[in-house]
Amino acid sequence: MASIMKISPQGQIRIPKQIMQSLGLLQGDFVELCIENDQIVLKPRKLIDPTQGWYWTKEWQQVESDVDSEIINGKMSPEFRTAEEGAKWLKK
């Protein structure tokens, strides 16, 4: 997919709707601009709040995946009405 765009007096270009949709880009998203082999390359980038970076580590995502599998396979505890009930169940 290719498009020809005109650079505005402010140095801006408009990303065509079809390209944005195919890449899952939304208004306000970030892109990285770099030069590769004498070509301009735009790469979609999602910025992560530094206080939430732990969630996106490889280790944490593996744990999330493991938990999702346990939920799918019904390996969950029963519901408890109190914390004491939960603690008693865990000690078994």
Protein backbone atom coordinates (compact mmCIF):
# COMPACT_ATOMS: atom_id res chain seq x y z
CA MET A 1 0.00 0.00 0.00
CA ALA A 2 1.47 3.36 -0.99
CA SER A 3 0.27 6.95 -0.96
CA ILE A 4 1.69 10.23 -2.14
CA MET A 5 1.34 13.10 0.31
CA LYS A 6 2.30 16.75 0.17
CA ILE A 7 4.43 18.23 2.95
CA SER A 8 2.70 21.26 4.51
CA PRO A 9 4.51 24.59 5.09
CA GLN A 10 4.87 23.46 8.74
CA GLY A 11 6.64 20.24 7.64
CA GLN A 12 3.61 18.04 8.35
CA ILE A 13 2.08 15.19 6.39
CA ARG A 14 -1.32 13.52 6.73
CA ILE A 15 -1.41 9.74 7.11
CA PRO A 16 -4.24 8.42 4.92
CA LYS A 17 -7.19 6.84 6.75
CA GLN A 18 -6.71 3.47 5.01
CA ILE A 19 -3.10 3.23 6.23
CA MET A 20 -4.04 4.30 9.75
CA GLN A 21 -6.77 1.65 9.87
CA SER A 22 -4.52 -1.11 8.56
CA LEU A 23 -1.93 -0.31 11.26
CA GLY A 24 -4.45 0.23 14.04
CA LEU A 25 -3.36 3.86 14.50
CA LEU A 26 -5.67 6.36 16.15
CA GLN A 27 -5.63 10.14 16.35
CA GLY A 28 -3.19 11.09 19.10
CA ASP A 29 -1.05 7.94 18.77
CA PHE A 30 2.72 8.31 18.45
CA VAL A 31 4.97 7.32 15.58
CA GLU A 32 8.75 7.15 15.46
CA LEU A 33 10.40 8.69 12.42
CA CYS A 34 13.80 7.38 11.34
CA ILE A 35 15.96 7.17 8.25
CA GLU A 36 16.77 3.71 6.91
CA ASN A 37 18.67 3.25 3.65
CA ASP A 38 18.00 6.87 2.63
CA GLN A 39 14.25 6.43 3.20
CA ILE A 40 11.95 7.96 5.81
CA VAL A 41 10.34 5.23 7.91
CA LEU A 42 7.45 5.83 10.33
CA LYS A 43 6.97 3.19 13.04
CA PRO A 44 3.92 3.09 15.32
CA ARG A 45 4.91 3.47 18.98
CA LYS A 46 2.84 3.02 22.12
CA LEU A 47 4.17 5.01 25.05
CA ILE A 48 4.02 3.42 28.49
CA ASP A 49 3.59 5.39 31.69
CA PRO A 50 6.90 4.81 33.55
CA THR A 51 5.00 3.82 36.69
CA GLN A 52 3.33 1.01 34.71
CA GLY A 53 6.43 -0.32 32.94
CA TRP A 54 6.65 -3.37 35.24
CA TYR A 55 3.42 -4.70 33.74
CA TRP A 56 4.97 -4.91 30.27
CA THR A 57 8.10 -6.83 31.26
CA LYS A 58 8.55 -10.25 29.68
CA GLU A 59 8.38 -11.92 33.10
CA TRP A 60 5.13 -10.24 34.12
CA GLN A 61 3.48 -10.94 30.78
CA GLN A 62 4.41 -14.64 31.15
CA VAL A 63 2.70 -14.71 34.55
CA GLU A 64 -0.37 -13.01 33.04
CA SER A 65 -0.45 -15.65 30.29
CA ASP A 66 -0.16 -18.45 32.86
CA VAL A 67 -3.02 -17.01 34.90
CA ASP A 68 -5.20 -16.63 31.80
CA SER A 69 -4.60 -20.33 31.04
CA GLU A 70 -5.56 -21.30 34.59
CA ILE A 71 -8.79 -19.31 34.32
CA ILE A 72 -9.64 -20.90 30.95
CA ASN A 73 -9.02 -24.37 32.44
CA GLY A 74 -11.17 -23.67 35.51
CA LYS A 75 -8.26 -23.79 37.98
CA MET A 76 -9.63 -21.05 40.22
CA SER A 77 -10.46 -20.92 43.90
CA PRO A 78 -14.06 -20.76 45.02
CA GLU A 79 -15.51 -17.39 46.02
CA PHE A 80 -15.10 -16.37 49.65
CA ARG A 81 -17.31 -14.10 51.73
CA THR A 82 -14.47 -13.05 54.03
CA ALA A 83 -10.70 -12.83 53.95
CA GLU A 84 -10.60 -15.37 56.76
CA GLU A 85 -12.43 -17.92 54.59
CA GLY A 86 -9.87 -17.33 51.85
CA ALA A 87 -6.92 -17.67 54.22
CA LYS A 88 -8.37 -20.92 55.62
CA TRP A 89 -8.77 -22.31 52.08
CA LEU A 90 -5.17 -21.36 51.19
CA LYS A 91 -3.79 -23.16 54.28
CA LYS A 92 -5.42 -26.46 53.17
